[in-house]
Protein backbone atom coordinates (compact mmCIF):
# COMPACT_ATOMS: atom_id res chain seq x y z
CA MET A 1 -5.78 3.70 18.51
CA SER A 2 -3.83 6.75 17.47
CA HIS A 3 -0.32 6.53 16.03
CA GLY A 4 1.72 9.66 16.51
CA LEU A 5 4.90 10.25 14.54
CA SER A 6 6.04 13.42 16.26
CA THR A 7 8.67 13.01 18.96
CA THR A 8 7.73 16.31 20.57
CA LEU A 9 5.54 16.19 23.67
CA PRO A 10 4.05 18.94 25.82
CA VAL A 11 6.15 19.64 28.89
CA THR A 12 3.17 18.82 31.09
CA GLY A 13 2.81 15.14 30.11
CA PHE A 14 4.42 12.02 28.75
CA ALA A 15 2.99 9.48 26.34
CA THR A 16 3.39 5.72 26.17
CA VAL A 17 5.88 4.80 23.44
CA LEU A 18 6.18 1.57 21.46
CA PRO A 19 8.61 0.61 18.68
CA ARG A 20 6.92 0.38 15.29
CA GLU A 21 8.19 -3.16 14.69
CA SER A 22 6.37 -4.44 17.79
CA ILE A 23 2.91 -2.97 17.36
CA ASN A 24 1.63 -5.72 15.04
CA GLY A 25 3.46 -8.50 16.84
CA SER A 26 2.13 -10.90 19.43
CA ASP A 27 0.74 -9.74 22.76
CA ALA A 28 3.99 -10.80 24.43
CA ASP A 29 5.98 -8.81 21.83
CA VAL A 30 4.04 -5.65 22.68
CA VAL A 31 4.45 -6.05 26.44
CA ASP A 32 8.16 -6.88 26.07
CA ALA A 33 8.65 -3.85 23.83
CA ASN A 34 7.21 -1.55 26.49
CA VAL A 35 9.53 -3.14 29.06
CA ASP A 36 12.49 -2.47 26.76
CA VAL A 37 11.49 1.17 26.23
CA VAL A 38 11.02 1.82 29.94
CA ASN A 39 14.38 0.19 30.64
CA MET A 40 15.96 2.46 28.04
CA MET A 41 14.43 5.48 29.76
CA TYR A 42 15.67 4.35 33.17
CA ALA A 43 19.14 3.77 31.68
CA GLU A 44 19.12 7.35 30.36
CA LEU A 45 18.35 8.55 33.93
CA LEU A 46 14.71 9.52 33.49
CA ASP A 47 12.94 9.35 36.84
CA ILE A 48 9.70 7.53 37.46
CA GLU A 49 7.82 10.86 37.38
CA GLU A 50 9.15 11.45 33.84
CA ILE A 51 7.77 8.24 32.33
CA ALA A 52 4.16 7.74 31.22
CA PRO A 53 2.04 6.28 34.07
CA HIS A 54 0.41 3.72 31.77
CA ALA A 55 3.81 2.57 30.53
CA LEU A 56 4.90 2.14 34.15
CA GLY A 57 1.71 0.28 35.04
CA SER A 58 2.28 -2.16 32.19
CA TYR A 59 5.96 -2.48 33.09
CA TYR A 60 5.37 -3.33 36.75
CA VAL A 61 2.44 -5.66 36.05
CA ASP A 62 4.78 -7.62 33.79
CA PHE A 63 7.41 -7.58 36.55
CA TYR A 64 4.83 -8.92 39.02
CA LEU A 65 3.73 -11.64 36.58
CA THR A 66 7.31 -12.69 35.85
CA GLN A 67 8.24 -12.96 39.52
CA CYS A 68 5.09 -14.86 40.49
CA LEU A 69 5.57 -17.35 37.66
CA GLY A 70 9.15 -17.85 38.77
CA GLY A 71 8.56 -18.34 42.49
CA GLY A 72 5.15 -17.18 43.63
CA PHE A 73 4.30 -14.02 45.54
CA ALA A 74 7.35 -14.67 47.75
CA GLN A 75 9.66 -14.03 44.80
CA TYR A 76 7.81 -10.82 43.98
CA VAL A 77 8.31 -9.61 47.57
CA PHE A 78 11.97 -10.66 47.55
CA SER A 79 12.69 -9.01 44.18
CA ALA A 80 10.91 -5.69 44.77
CA PRO A 81 13.40 -3.35 46.51
CA GLU A 82 10.80 -0.69 47.37
CA ARG A 83 7.63 -2.74 47.35
CA ALA A 84 5.22 -0.04 48.52
CA ASP A 85 5.94 2.08 45.44
CA ILE A 86 5.89 -0.90 43.10
CA ASP A 87 2.62 -2.16 44.62
CA THR A 88 1.04 1.16 43.64
CA HIS A 89 2.07 0.78 40.00
CA VAL A 90 0.97 -2.88 39.90
CA ARG A 91 -2.46 -1.93 41.23
CA ALA A 92 -2.81 0.94 38.75
CA GLY A 93 -1.75 -1.29 35.88
CA LEU A 94 -4.07 -4.17 36.77
CA GLU A 95 -6.98 -1.78 37.21
CA GLY A 96 -6.22 0.12 33.99
CA MET A 97 -6.04 -3.01 31.84
CA GLY A 98 -9.21 -4.47 33.36
CA ALA A 99 -7.59 -7.40 35.19
CA THR A 100 -10.09 -7.09 38.02
CA ALA A 101 -9.76 -10.66 39.34
CA HIS A 102 -5.97 -10.38 39.41
CA LEU A 103 -6.23 -7.01 41.16
CA ASP A 104 -8.40 -8.58 43.86
CA LEU A 105 -5.97 -11.48 44.25
CA PHE A 106 -3.00 -9.11 44.39
CA ASN A 107 -4.62 -7.05 47.12
CA ARG A 108 -5.44 -10.18 49.13
CA SER A 109 -1.85 -11.43 48.75
CA VAL A 110 -0.40 -8.09 49.85
CA ALA A 111 -2.71 -7.96 52.86
CA ALA A 112 -1.90 -11.56 53.81
CA PHE A 113 1.85 -11.01 53.58
CA ASP A 114 1.83 -7.68 55.40
CA SER A 115 -0.10 -9.29 58.27
CA LEU A 116 2.63 -11.91 58.87
CA SER A 117 4.90 -11.72 61.87
CA GLU A 118 8.62 -11.43 61.15
CA GLU A 119 9.04 -15.15 61.86
CA GLU A 120 6.13 -16.08 59.59
CA ALA A 121 7.42 -13.84 56.80
CA ASP A 122 10.84 -15.50 57.01
CA ALA A 123 9.16 -18.92 56.88
CA TYR A 124 7.19 -17.96 53.77
CA LEU A 125 10.18 -16.44 51.97
CA ASP A 126 12.38 -19.43 52.92
CA GLY A 127 9.80 -21.99 51.84
CA GLY A 128 8.74 -23.33 55.24
CA THR A 129 10.12 -24.21 58.66
CA ASP A 130 11.25 -27.35 60.43
CA GLY A 131 8.20 -27.14 62.66
CA GLY A 132 5.75 -27.18 59.76
CA VAL A 133 3.98 -24.43 57.85
CA PRO A 134 2.19 -21.77 59.94
CA ASP A 135 -1.47 -21.24 59.05
CA ALA A 136 -0.82 -17.66 57.89
CA VAL A 137 1.87 -18.90 55.53
CA ARG A 138 -0.41 -21.64 54.22
CA VAL A 139 -2.92 -18.95 53.24
CA LEU A 140 -0.30 -17.30 51.03
CA GLU A 141 0.67 -20.61 49.48
CA GLU A 142 -2.99 -21.19 48.62
CA LEU A 143 -3.14 -17.72 47.05
CA ASP A 144 -0.13 -18.66 44.92
CA GLY A 145 -2.14 -21.62 43.66
CA ASP A 146 -5.08 -19.33 42.92
CA PHE A 147 -2.77 -17.13 40.84
CA GLU A 148 -1.80 -20.02 38.56
CA THR A 149 -5.45 -21.01 38.12
CA LEU A 150 -6.60 -17.46 37.46
CA LEU A 151 -4.15 -17.06 34.57
CA GLU A 152 -6.25 -19.59 32.65
CA THR A 153 -9.32 -17.36 32.72
CA GLU A 154 -7.83 -13.84 32.94
CA ASP A 155 -4.79 -13.58 30.69
CA ILE A 156 -2.63 -10.73 32.02
CA VAL A 157 -0.41 -10.61 28.95
CA ALA A 158 -3.34 -10.27 26.54
CA LEU A 159 -4.99 -7.61 28.70
CA ASN A 160 -1.70 -5.77 29.11
CA ALA A 161 -0.99 -5.68 25.37
CA ALA A 162 -4.54 -4.56 24.52
CA TRP A 163 -4.26 -1.77 27.09
CA LEU A 164 -0.97 -0.55 25.63
CA ARG A 165 -2.31 -0.61 22.08
CA SER A 166 -5.43 1.34 23.11
CA GLN A 167 -3.67 4.37 24.63
CA ALA A 168 -5.11 7.52 23.07
CA ASP A 169 -1.75 9.30 23.07
CA LEU A 170 0.32 6.27 22.03
CA LEU A 171 3.45 7.09 20.05
CA VAL A 172 4.59 4.40 17.60
CA LEU A 173 8.16 5.18 16.52
CA ASP A 174 10.91 3.57 14.49
CA ASP A 175 14.32 3.07 16.09
CA GLU A 176 15.73 6.44 15.04
CA GLU A 177 12.61 8.30 16.17
CA LEU A 178 12.63 6.43 19.48
CA ASP A 179 16.25 7.39 20.17
CA ARG A 180 15.49 11.02 19.34
CA HIS A 181 12.35 11.00 21.46
CA ILE A 182 14.19 9.73 24.53
CA ALA A 183 17.04 12.19 23.92
CA GLU A 184 14.52 15.05 23.89
CA ARG A 185 13.06 13.86 27.19
CA VAL A 186 16.56 13.64 28.68
CA ALA A 187 17.36 17.14 27.46
CA ARG A 188 14.53 18.45 29.66
CA ILE A 189 16.04 17.04 32.85
CA PRO A 190 16.92 20.14 34.90
CA ASN A 191 19.61 18.44 37.00
CA LEU A 192 21.03 16.05 34.41
CA ALA A 193 24.68 16.63 35.36
CA GLU A 194 23.89 15.89 39.00
CA ARG A 195 22.04 12.69 38.09
CA GLN A 196 24.89 11.57 35.85
CA ALA A 197 27.42 12.13 38.63
CA GLU A 198 25.27 10.18 41.10
CA ALA A 199 24.79 7.34 38.60
CA ALA A 200 28.53 7.16 37.94
CA GLU A 201 29.25 7.02 41.67
CA ASP A 202 26.60 4.34 42.22
CA GLU A 203 27.98 2.29 39.34
CA LEU A 204 31.47 2.53 40.79
CA LEU A 205 30.28 1.45 44.23
CA ASP A 206 28.31 -1.45 42.74
CA THR A 207 31.10 -2.68 40.48
CA PRO A 208 32.93 -5.74 41.88
CA GLU A 209 36.65 -5.27 42.42
CA PHE A 210 37.56 -8.00 39.93
CA GLU A 211 35.57 -6.22 37.21
CA MET A 212 37.28 -2.91 37.92
CA ILE A 213 40.68 -4.63 37.66
CA ILE A 214 39.74 -6.35 34.39
CA ARG A 215 38.53 -3.06 32.92
CA GLU A 216 41.79 -1.35 33.89
CA LEU A 217 43.81 -4.18 32.33
CA CYS A 218 41.79 -3.99 29.12
CA ALA A 219 42.35 -0.24 28.93
CA ALA A 220 46.09 -0.73 29.44
CA ALA A 221 46.19 -3.39 26.71
CA GLY A 222 44.08 -1.35 24.29
CA HIS A 223 41.21 -3.85 24.32
CA THR A 224 37.46 -3.32 24.65
CA LEU A 225 35.87 -5.56 27.31
CA LEU A 226 32.85 -7.45 25.99
CA LYS A 227 31.95 -9.93 28.71
CA ILE A 228 33.25 -11.48 31.93
CA THR A 229 32.31 -15.13 31.63
CA MET A 230 33.38 -16.91 34.83
CA GLY A 231 35.75 -17.19 37.76
CA ASP A 232 37.80 -20.38 38.01
CA PRO A 233 39.15 -20.97 41.55
CA ASN A 234 41.15 -24.04 40.44
CA TYR A 235 43.19 -22.59 37.60
CA GLU A 236 46.74 -23.99 37.42
CA HIS A 237 49.33 -21.25 37.01
CA ASP A 238 53.08 -21.66 37.52
CA GLY A 239 52.50 -24.92 39.36
CA GLN A 240 50.00 -23.42 41.79
CA THR A 241 46.24 -23.23 42.03
CA ALA A 242 44.92 -19.69 41.61
CA LEU A 243 41.66 -17.86 41.02
CA ALA A 244 41.43 -16.85 37.37
CA TRP A 245 38.74 -14.69 35.83
CA HIS A 246 37.86 -15.52 32.23
CA PHE A 247 36.74 -12.64 30.04
CA THR A 248 36.26 -11.76 26.38
CA THR A 249 37.41 -8.62 24.60
CA ASP A 250 37.13 -7.42 21.01
CA GLN A 251 40.37 -9.33 20.40
CA GLY A 252 39.56 -12.71 21.92
CA GLU A 253 39.44 -14.57 25.23
CA PHE A 254 41.80 -13.80 28.11
CA LEU A 255 42.41 -14.39 31.83
CA MET A 256 42.99 -12.14 34.81
CA LEU A 257 45.13 -13.33 37.72
CA ASP A 258 45.99 -11.26 40.76
CA ASP A 259 47.94 -11.45 43.98
CA ASP A 260 48.69 -8.94 46.72
CA GLN A 261 51.05 -6.93 44.54
CA GLU A 262 49.62 -6.87 41.02
CA ALA A 263 47.08 -8.21 38.56
CA VAL A 264 47.93 -9.46 35.08
CA MET A 265 46.04 -10.08 31.87
CA ILE A 266 47.30 -13.16 30.11
CA HIS A 267 46.56 -15.13 26.97
CA PRO A 268 45.09 -18.51 28.01
CA ASP A 269 47.12 -20.51 25.45
CA THR A 270 50.48 -18.72 25.15
CA LYS A 271 50.47 -17.46 28.77
CA GLU A 272 51.80 -14.15 27.41
CA ILE A 273 51.23 -11.22 29.76
CA LEU A 274 49.48 -8.47 27.80
CA ALA A 275 49.03 -5.96 30.63
CA ALA A 276 49.69 -5.58 34.34
CA VAL A 277 48.53 -3.22 37.04
CA GLU A 278 50.15 -2.79 40.43
CA PHE A 279 48.10 -2.43 43.59
CA GLU A 280 48.69 0.52 45.88
CA GLU A 281 48.76 -0.24 49.58
CA ALA A 282 45.75 1.41 51.20
CA ASP A 283 46.23 3.40 54.40
CA GLY A 284 45.13 1.33 57.37
C-alpha cells in the first residue's frame, strides 16, 4: 500500500483519498471515512466523473449494504433515485473488492426485481398484498434471506476496507491536506460558477417554507440558526392552539409562529418577540 502526501494529482485521473486518522482504525472506520470524503466532494459540487472510481465503488457498496440491512433489497430500490447508475457502481465495487458471492446475489436480485410487473413491484415494496404474496415477490424475499446468511461467510465491510487500503494510488492525508486536496480538485471545475448557481437554486427549491421563514427571522434578529428541532401543532399561544416550530440558535432556544400576515420569532419563556417578518400577498 502506498501512502502519498502530495495533494497534487494529474489532470487525467483521481485517486482514492482517506483521512490519516482512519487508516489504522477498524474496517468499519475505513469504509466510513471513505463515505465521509466522498460526501465532502459531492458537497463541494464535484461530479461523479471527478471522483475516483474505486472510492465510488466502495461508497455505493456501503450504501447498498446499509439499505439492505435496514429493509432488504426493497429499501435499496426505494432509496436509490437513479438505480441504473448506482447499480453500475455497486457491481464495480463488489467485483473490485472480491465479493463474488454478493455480486452474484446482487445480480440475481436486480434481475428478479426488474422482471416484476408494476403490481408485483408495488406489492414487494409495500411488503405484500391482501391477496397473499405473488410467487415473483416471494423469490425476492428469499433472496433477502440469502443476503443475511451470506454476510456470515463473505464480510462486505472487511472486503471493502481491505480494497480501499490496497489502492496503489491511495492518498492518506491529514485534515488540512484533505481540505486543500479537495479545494484543488474544485478549482479545476471549468463551470464552477454555473454549478454553484444551480446548487443554490436547487437548495432554495428544496427548502421547506417554514425553514426559509425561520432563517429570515434569525437573520433579522442577528442570530445564527443551528437546528430546527420540531413542529408542535398544539402550542398554546394567546389562548389559541397554533403550530409552533422549535429551533435553536447560537443564543438559545426559540419558537416561530406564523399566520396569514406575518411570522414572529419569540422566546419560549418570556414570550418576547425578537423579530417579525411580514408576508407579501402573491399575485393570483
